[in-house]
Amino acid sequence: MPLQIANPEVVRKVDELAKATGLSKTAAVGRAVDRMLSELGGDARQADRLSALLAQLDRIPERADAYDPLSWDEHGLPR
């Protein structure tokens, strides 16, 4: 499927990237898209790891004999 880029500034940037890398315009755009997708995937994996860690913390039961040395006011701040 053909892709038409109507923004002349984007076309200029693609030309510049292709010349700087020695790649065709199609290859330059392909690599740029691959790189951005890879970066997005890294963020998603990091979010998945964080979610897994939070899920583990949520499984830790509250202890009835837990001791909190601070007293708290009605706003949730230590006194």
PDB file of N, CA and C in Angstrom:
ATOM      1  N   MET A   1       0.849  -1.165   0.000  1.00  0.00           N
ATOM      2  CA  MET A   1       0.000   0.000   0.000  1.00  0.00           C
ATOM      3  C   MET A   1       0.900   1.235   0.000  1.00  0.00           C
ATOM      4  N   PRO A   2       0.691   2.155  -0.900  1.00  0.00           N
ATOM      5  CA  PRO A   2       1.536   3.350  -0.957  1.00  0.00           C
ATOM      6  C   PRO A   2       1.250   4.286   0.215  1.00  0.00           C
ATOM      7  N   LEU A   3       2.274   5.022   0.575  1.00  0.00           N
ATOM      8  CA  LEU A   3       2.178   5.998   1.651  1.00  0.00           C
ATOM      9  C   LEU A   3       2.517   7.357   1.065  1.00  0.00           C
ATOM     10  N   GLN A   4       1.635   8.300   1.248  1.00  0.00           N
ATOM     11  CA  GLN A   4       1.873   9.644   0.737  1.00  0.00           C
ATOM     12  C   GLN A   4       2.066  10.576   1.909  1.00  0.00           C
ATOM     13  N   ILE A   5       3.164  11.315   1.889  1.00  0.00           N
ATOM     14  CA  ILE A   5       3.455  12.263   2.961  1.00  0.00           C
ATOM     15  C   ILE A   5       3.215  13.661   2.408  1.00  0.00           C
ATOM     16  N   ALA A   6       2.240  14.359   2.972  1.00  0.00           N
ATOM     17  CA  ALA A   6       1.839  15.662   2.457  1.00  0.00           C
ATOM     18  C   ALA A   6       2.607  16.811   3.105  1.00  0.00           C
ATOM     19  N   ASN A   7       3.268  16.558   4.208  1.00  0.00           N
ATOM     20  CA  ASN A   7       3.979  17.615   4.920  1.00  0.00           C
ATOM     21  C   ASN A   7       5.386  17.759   4.329  1.00  0.00           C
ATOM     22  N   PRO A   8       5.696  18.893   3.689  1.00  0.00           N
ATOM     23  CA  PRO A   8       6.995  19.065   3.055  1.00  0.00           C
ATOM     24  C   PRO A   8       8.174  19.012   4.040  1.00  0.00           C
ATOM     25  N   GLU A   9       7.952  19.417   5.257  1.00  0.00           N
ATOM     26  CA  GLU A   9       9.025  19.361   6.255  1.00  0.00           C
ATOM     27  C   GLU A   9       9.380  17.917   6.587  1.00  0.00           C
ATOM     28  N   VAL A  10       8.383  17.068   6.682  1.00  0.00           N
ATOM     29  CA  VAL A  10       8.632  15.645   6.945  1.00  0.00           C
ATOM     30  C   VAL A  10       9.358  15.027   5.752  1.00  0.00           C
ATOM     31  N   VAL A  11       8.956  15.383   4.542  1.00  0.00           N
ATOM     32  CA  VAL A  11       9.620  14.872   3.342  1.00  0.00           C
ATOM     33  C   VAL A  11      11.086  15.300   3.346  1.00  0.00           C
ATOM     34  N   ARG A  12      11.356  16.544   3.732  1.00  0.00           N
ATOM     35  CA  ARG A  12      12.736  17.035   3.806  1.00  0.00           C
ATOM     36  C   ARG A  12      13.542  16.233   4.822  1.00  0.00           C
ATOM     37  N   LYS A  13      12.933  15.949   5.966  1.00  0.00           N
ATOM     38  CA  LYS A  13      13.622  15.183   7.004  1.00  0.00           C
ATOM     39  C   LYS A  13      13.915  13.763   6.537  1.00  0.00           C
ATOM     40  N   VAL A  14      12.979  13.157   5.821  1.00  0.00           N
ATOM     41  CA  VAL A  14      13.198  11.810   5.297  1.00  0.00           C
ATOM     42  C   VAL A  14      14.339  11.830   4.287  1.00  0.00           C
ATOM     43  N   ASP A  15      14.362  12.836   3.410  1.00  0.00           N
ATOM     44  CA  ASP A  15      15.460  12.979   2.449  1.00  0.00           C
ATOM     45  C   ASP A  15      16.801  13.119   3.182  1.00  0.00           C
ATOM     46  N   GLU A  16      16.826  13.962   4.191  1.00  0.00           N
ATOM     47  CA  GLU A  16      18.053  14.188   4.963  1.00  0.00           C
ATOM     48  C   GLU A  16      18.520  12.909   5.645  1.00  0.00           C
ATOM     49  N   LEU A  17      17.585  12.174   6.233  1.00  0.00           N
ATOM     50  CA  LEU A  17      17.918  10.916   6.905  1.00  0.00           C
ATOM     51  C   LEU A  17      18.458   9.893   5.913  1.00  0.00           C
ATOM     52  N   ALA A  18      17.814   9.792   4.765  1.00  0.00           N
ATOM     53  CA  ALA A  18      18.250   8.835   3.749  1.00  0.00           C
ATOM     54  C   ALA A  18      19.668   9.169   3.270  1.00  0.00           C
ATOM     55  N   LYS A  19      19.942  10.433   3.016  1.00  0.00           N
ATOM     56  CA  LYS A  19      21.279  10.842   2.569  1.00  0.00           C
ATOM     57  C   LYS A  19      22.321  10.598   3.655  1.00  0.00           C
ATOM     58  N   ALA A  20      21.982  10.926   4.885  1.00  0.00           N
ATOM     59  CA  ALA A  20      22.936  10.776   5.985  1.00  0.00           C
ATOM     60  C   ALA A  20      23.277   9.316   6.261  1.00  0.00           C
ATOM     61  N   THR A  21      22.325   8.421   6.048  1.00  0.00           N
ATOM     62  CA  THR A  21      22.539   7.003   6.348  1.00  0.00           C
ATOM     63  C   THR A  21      22.937   6.193   5.125  1.00  0.00           C
ATOM     64  N   GLY A  22      22.751   6.764   3.938  1.00  0.00           N
ATOM     65  CA  GLY A  22      23.041   6.009   2.722  1.00  0.00           C
ATOM     66  C   GLY A  22      21.970   4.985   2.393  1.00  0.00           C
ATOM     67  N   LEU A  23      20.837   5.094   3.019  1.00  0.00           N
ATOM     68  CA  LEU A  23      19.718   4.174   2.783  1.00  0.00           C
ATOM     69  C   LEU A  23      18.742   4.810   1.806  1.00  0.00           C
ATOM     70  N   SER A  24      17.896   3.961   1.241  1.00  0.00           N
ATOM     71  CA  SER A  24      16.798   4.504   0.442  1.00  0.00           C
ATOM     72  C   SER A  24      15.815   5.178   1.399  1.00  0.00           C
ATOM     73  N   LYS A  25      14.938   5.989   0.865  1.00  0.00           N
ATOM     74  CA  LYS A  25      13.934   6.649   1.709  1.00  0.00           C
ATOM     75  C   LYS A  25      13.065   5.611   2.409  1.00  0.00           C
ATOM     76  N   THR A  26      12.694   4.572   1.683  1.00  0.00           N
ATOM     77  CA  THR A  26      11.852   3.522   2.271  1.00  0.00           C
ATOM     78  C   THR A  26      12.574   2.827   3.417  1.00  0.00           C
ATOM     79  N   ALA A  27      13.851   2.493   3.220  1.00  0.00           N
ATOM     80  CA  ALA A  27      14.612   1.817   4.270  1.00  0.00           C
ATOM     81  C   ALA A  27      14.822   2.728   5.470  1.00  0.00           C
ATOM     82  N   ALA A  28      15.085   4.018   5.215  1.00  0.00           N
ATOM     83  CA  ALA A  28      15.285   4.963   6.314  1.00  0.00           C
ATOM     84  C   ALA A  28      14.021   5.108   7.155  1.00  0.00           C
ATOM     85  N   VAL A  29      12.885   5.236   6.487  1.00  0.00           N
ATOM     86  CA  VAL A  29      11.614   5.341   7.215  1.00  0.00           C
ATOM     87  C   VAL A  29      11.329   4.033   7.954  1.00  0.00           C
ATOM     88  N   GLY A  30      11.597   2.906   7.315  1.00  0.00           N
ATOM     89  CA  GLY A  30      11.370   1.607   7.954  1.00  0.00           C
ATOM     90  C   GLY A  30      12.172   1.447   9.224  1.00  0.00           C
ATOM     91  N   ARG A  31      13.462   1.821   9.155  1.00  0.00           N
ATOM     92  CA  ARG A  31      14.300   1.710  10.357  1.00  0.00           C
ATOM     93  C   ARG A  31      13.847   2.665  11.446  1.00  0.00           C
ATOM     94  N   ALA A  32      13.450   3.872  11.076  1.00  0.00           N
ATOM     95  CA  ALA A  32      12.973   4.837  12.068  1.00  0.00           C
ATOM     96  C   ALA A  32      11.711   4.319  12.753  1.00  0.00           C
ATOM     97  N   VAL A  33      10.815   3.750  11.978  1.00  0.00           N
ATOM     98  CA  VAL A  33       9.578   3.203  12.557  1.00  0.00           C
ATOM     99  C   VAL A  33       9.903   2.012  13.461  1.00  0.00           C
ATOM    100  N   ASP A  34      10.799   1.130  13.008  1.00  0.00           N
ATOM    101  CA  ASP A  34      11.205  -0.012  13.832  1.00  0.00           C
ATOM    102  C   ASP A  34      11.794   0.445  15.157  1.00  0.00           C
ATOM    103  N   ARG A  35      12.616   1.488  15.095  1.00  0.00           N
ATOM    104  CA  ARG A  35      13.247   1.994  16.315  1.00  0.00           C
ATOM    105  C   ARG A  35      12.203   2.546  17.280  1.00  0.00           C
ATOM    106  N   MET A  36      11.257   3.298  16.768  1.00  0.00           N
ATOM    107  CA  MET A  36      10.221   3.854  17.645  1.00  0.00           C
ATOM    108  C   MET A  36       9.344   2.749  18.241  1.00  0.00           C
ATOM    109  N   LEU A  37       9.018   1.749  17.423  1.00  0.00           N
ATOM    110  CA  LEU A  37       8.223   0.630  17.940  1.00  0.00           C
ATOM    111  C   LEU A  37       8.985  -0.134  19.011  1.00  0.00           C
ATOM    112  N   SER A  38      10.288  -0.292  18.823  1.00  0.00           N
ATOM    113  CA  SER A  38      11.117  -0.965  19.816  1.00  0.00           C
ATOM    114  C   SER A  38      11.129  -0.194  21.128  1.00  0.00           C
ATOM    115  N   GLU A  39      11.240   1.127  21.024  1.00  0.00           N
ATOM    116  CA  GLU A  39      11.223   1.954  22.236  1.00  0.00           C
ATOM    117  C   GLU A  39       9.892   1.846  22.954  1.00  0.00           C
ATOM    118  N   LEU A  40       8.814   1.820  22.201  1.00  0.00           N
ATOM    119  CA  LEU A  40       7.492   1.682  22.819  1.00  0.00           C
ATOM    120  C   LEU A  40       7.359   0.335  23.496  1.00  0.00           C
ATOM    121  N   GLY A  41       7.880  -0.699  22.855  1.00  0.00           N
ATOM    122  CA  GLY A  41       7.827  -2.037  23.438  1.00  0.00           C
ATOM    123  C   GLY A  41       8.592  -2.102  24.740  1.00  0.00           C
ATOM    124  N   GLY A  42       9.719  -1.390  24.816  1.00  0.00           N
ATOM    125  CA  GLY A  42      10.499  -1.364  26.051  1.00  0.00           C
ATOM    126  C   GLY A  42       9.710  -0.750  27.185  1.00  0.00           C
ATOM    127  N   ASP A  43       8.973   0.310  26.912  1.00  0.00           N
ATOM    128  CA  ASP A  43       8.137   0.940  27.934  1.00  0.00           C
ATOM    129  C   ASP A  43       7.043  -0.011  28.399  1.00  0.00           C
ATOM    130  N   ALA A  44       6.477  -0.752  27.447  1.00  0.00           N
ATOM    131  CA  ALA A  44       5.407  -1.686  27.805  1.00  0.00           C
ATOM    132  C   ALA A  44       5.955  -2.805  28.684  1.00  0.00           C
ATOM    133  N   ARG A  45       7.154  -3.317  28.359  1.00  0.00           N
ATOM    134  CA  ARG A  45       7.743  -4.378  29.187  1.00  0.00           C
ATOM    135  C   ARG A  45       8.044  -3.860  30.586  1.00  0.00           C
ATOM    136  N   GLN A  46       8.531  -2.626  30.684  1.00  0.00           N
ATOM    137  CA  GLN A  46       8.823  -2.054  31.993  1.00  0.00           C
ATOM    138  C   GLN A  46       7.529  -1.889  32.794  1.00  0.00           C
ATOM    139  N   ALA A  47       6.469  -1.458  32.145  1.00  0.00           N
ATOM    140  CA  ALA A  47       5.176  -1.311  32.827  1.00  0.00           C
ATOM    141  C   ALA A  47       4.658  -2.665  33.287  1.00  0.00           C
ATOM    142  N   ASP A  48       4.854  -3.706  32.469  1.00  0.00           N
ATOM    143  CA  ASP A  48       4.433  -5.054  32.860  1.00  0.00           C
ATOM    144  C   ASP A  48       5.197  -5.531  34.088  1.00  0.00           C
ATOM    145  N   ARG A  49       6.513  -5.266  34.121  1.00  0.00           N
ATOM    146  CA  ARG A  49       7.308  -5.682  35.285  1.00  0.00           C
ATOM    147  C   ARG A  49       6.869  -4.936  36.540  1.00  0.00           C
ATOM    148  N   LEU A  50       6.583  -3.648  36.393  1.00  0.00           N
ATOM    149  CA  LEU A  50       6.128  -2.861  37.532  1.00  0.00           C
ATOM    150  C   LEU A  50       4.773  -3.363  38.022  1.00  0.00           C
ATOM    151  N   SER A  51       3.887  -3.676  37.100  1.00  0.00           N
ATOM    152  CA  SER A  51       2.570  -4.205  37.482  1.00  0.00           C
ATOM    153  C   SER A  51       2.707  -5.527  38.217  1.00  0.00           C
ATOM    154  N   ALA A  52       3.620  -6.374  37.765  1.00  0.00           N
ATOM    155  CA  ALA A  52       3.834  -7.660  38.428  1.00  0.00           C
ATOM    156  C   ALA A  52       4.366  -7.456  39.846  1.00  0.00           C
ATOM    157  N   LEU A  53       5.271  -6.508  40.008  1.00  0.00           N
ATOM    158  CA  LEU A  53       5.810  -6.214  41.332  1.00  0.00           C
ATOM    159  C   LEU A  53       4.717  -5.685  42.255  1.00  0.00           C
ATOM    160  N   LEU A  54       3.901  -4.772  41.766  1.00  0.00           N
ATOM    161  CA  LEU A  54       2.814  -4.237  42.583  1.00  0.00           C
ATOM    162  C   LEU A  54       1.804  -5.321  42.956  1.00  0.00           C
ATOM    163  N   ALA A  55       1.556  -6.247  42.029  1.00  0.00           N
ATOM    164  CA  ALA A  55       0.645  -7.355  42.325  1.00  0.00           C
ATOM    165  C   ALA A  55       1.209  -8.224  43.446  1.00  0.00           C
ATOM    166  N   GLN A  56       2.526  -8.441  43.448  1.00  0.00           N
ATOM    167  CA  GLN A  56       3.140  -9.219  44.534  1.00  0.00           C
ATOM    168  C   GLN A  56       3.006  -8.490  45.863  1.00  0.00           C
ATOM    169  N   LEU A  57       3.223  -7.187  45.844  1.00  0.00           N
ATOM    170  CA  LEU A  57       3.078  -6.415  47.085  1.00  0.00           C
ATOM    171  C   LEU A  57       1.643  -6.448  47.596  1.00  0.00           C
ATOM    172  N   ASP A  58       0.682  -6.437  46.692  1.00  0.00           N
ATOM    173  CA  ASP A  58      -0.722  -6.485  47.099  1.00  0.00           C
ATOM    174  C   ASP A  58      -1.081  -7.809  47.755  1.00  0.00           C
ATOM    175  N   ARG A  59      -0.330  -8.865  47.457  1.00  0.00           N
ATOM    176  CA  ARG A  59      -0.617 -10.183  48.043  1.00  0.00           C
ATOM    177  C   ARG A  59      -0.068 -10.330  49.467  1.00  0.00           C
ATOM    178  N   ILE A  60       0.733  -9.376  49.918  1.00  0.00           N
ATOM    179  CA  ILE A  60       1.259  -9.444  51.290  1.00  0.00           C
ATOM    180  C   ILE A  60       0.117  -9.105  52.235  1.00  0.00           C
ATOM    181  N   PRO A  61      -0.219 -10.028  53.126  1.00  0.00           N
ATOM    182  CA  PRO A  61      -1.372  -9.778  53.998  1.00  0.00           C
ATOM    183  C   PRO A  61      -1.067  -8.715  55.051  1.00  0.00           C
ATOM    184  N   GLU A  62      -2.121  -8.019  55.439  1.00  0.00           N
ATOM    185  CA  GLU A  62      -2.011  -7.065  56.537  1.00  0.00           C
ATOM    186  C   GLU A  62      -1.824  -7.860  57.821  1.00  0.00           C
ATOM    187  N   ARG A  63      -0.977  -7.363  58.697  1.00  0.00           N
ATOM    188  CA  ARG A  63      -0.740  -8.057  59.959  1.00  0.00           C
ATOM    189  C   ARG A  63      -1.495  -7.348  61.074  1.00  0.00           C
ATOM    190  N   ALA A  64      -2.228  -8.133  61.830  1.00  0.00           N
ATOM    191  CA  ALA A  64      -2.984  -7.567  62.955  1.00  0.00           C
ATOM    192  C   ALA A  64      -2.044  -7.070  64.043  1.00  0.00           C
ATOM    193  N   ASP A  65      -0.849  -7.677  64.142  1.00  0.00           N
ATOM    194  CA  ASP A  65       0.083  -7.289  65.196  1.00  0.00           C
ATOM    195  C   ASP A  65       1.117  -6.262  64.722  1.00  0.00           C
ATOM    196  N   ALA A  66       0.860  -5.672  63.578  1.00  0.00           N
ATOM    197  CA  ALA A  66       1.801  -4.669  63.068  1.00  0.00           C
ATOM    198  C   ALA A  66       1.805  -3.458  63.990  1.00  0.00           C
ATOM    199  N   TYR A  67       2.972  -2.872  64.157  1.00  0.00           N
ATOM    200  CA  TYR A  67       3.107  -1.728  65.054  1.00  0.00           C
ATOM    201  C   TYR A  67       3.529  -0.512  64.245  1.00  0.00           C
ATOM    202  N   ASP A  68       2.790   0.562  64.386  1.00  0.00           N
ATOM    203  CA  ASP A  68       3.127   1.819  63.725  1.00  0.00           C
ATOM    204  C   ASP A  68       3.517   2.809  64.822  1.00  0.00           C
ATOM    205  N   PRO A  69       4.794   3.211  64.869  1.00  0.00           N
ATOM    206  CA  PRO A  69       5.232   4.091  65.961  1.00  0.00           C
ATOM    207  C   PRO A  69       4.699   5.516  65.853  1.00  0.00           C
ATOM    208  N   LEU A  70       4.106   5.855  64.737  1.00  0.00           N
ATOM    209  CA  LEU A  70       3.592   7.211  64.549  1.00  0.00           C
ATOM    210  C   LEU A  70       2.095   7.247  64.774  1.00  0.00           C
ATOM    211  N   SER A  71       1.631   8.351  65.304  1.00  0.00           N
ATOM    212  CA  SER A  71       0.180   8.565  65.355  1.00  0.00           C
ATOM    213  C   SER A  71      -0.177   9.469  64.173  1.00  0.00           C
ATOM    214  N   TRP A  72      -1.370   9.298  63.667  1.00  0.00           N
ATOM    215  CA  TRP A  72      -1.785   9.996  62.440  1.00  0.00           C
ATOM    216  C   TRP A  72      -2.999  10.865  62.719  1.00  0.00           C
ATOM    217  N   ASP A  73      -3.052  12.014  62.085  1.00  0.00           N
ATOM    218  CA  ASP A  73      -4.208  12.883  62.263  1.00  0.00           C
ATOM    219  C   ASP A  73      -5.287  12.553  61.229  1.00  0.00           C
ATOM    220  N   GLU A  74      -6.375  13.303  61.257  1.00  0.00           N
ATOM    221  CA  GLU A  74      -7.515  13.021  60.357  1.00  0.00           C
ATOM    222  C   GLU A  74      -7.202  13.288  58.891  1.00  0.00           C
ATOM    223  N   HIS A  75      -6.073  13.961  58.613  1.00  0.00           N
ATOM    224  CA  HIS A  75      -5.681  14.243  57.229  1.00  0.00           C
ATOM    225  C   HIS A  75      -4.660  13.225  56.710  1.00  0.00           C
ATOM    226  N   GLY A  76      -4.338  12.233  57.517  1.00  0.00           N
ATOM    227  CA  GLY A  76      -3.373  11.232  57.101  1.00  0.00           C
ATOM    228  C   GLY A  76      -1.931  11.662  57.278  1.00  0.00           C
ATOM    229  N   LEU A  77      -1.713  12.670  58.084  1.00  0.00           N
ATOM    230  CA  LEU A  77      -0.361  13.161  58.327  1.00  0.00           C
ATOM    231  C   LEU A  77       0.099  12.752  59.704  1.00  0.00           C
ATOM    232  N   PRO A  78       1.404  12.491  59.873  1.00  0.00           N
ATOM    233  CA  PRO A  78       1.887  12.115  61.209  1.00  0.00           C
ATOM    234  C   PRO A  78       1.786  13.299  62.164  1.00  0.00           C
ATOM    235  N   ARG A  79       1.519  12.979  63.410  1.00  0.00           N
ATOM    236  CA  ARG A  79       1.416  14.038  64.438  1.00  0.00           C
ATOM    237  C   ARG A  79       2.757  14.293  65.058  1.00  0.00           C
TER     238      ARG A  79
END
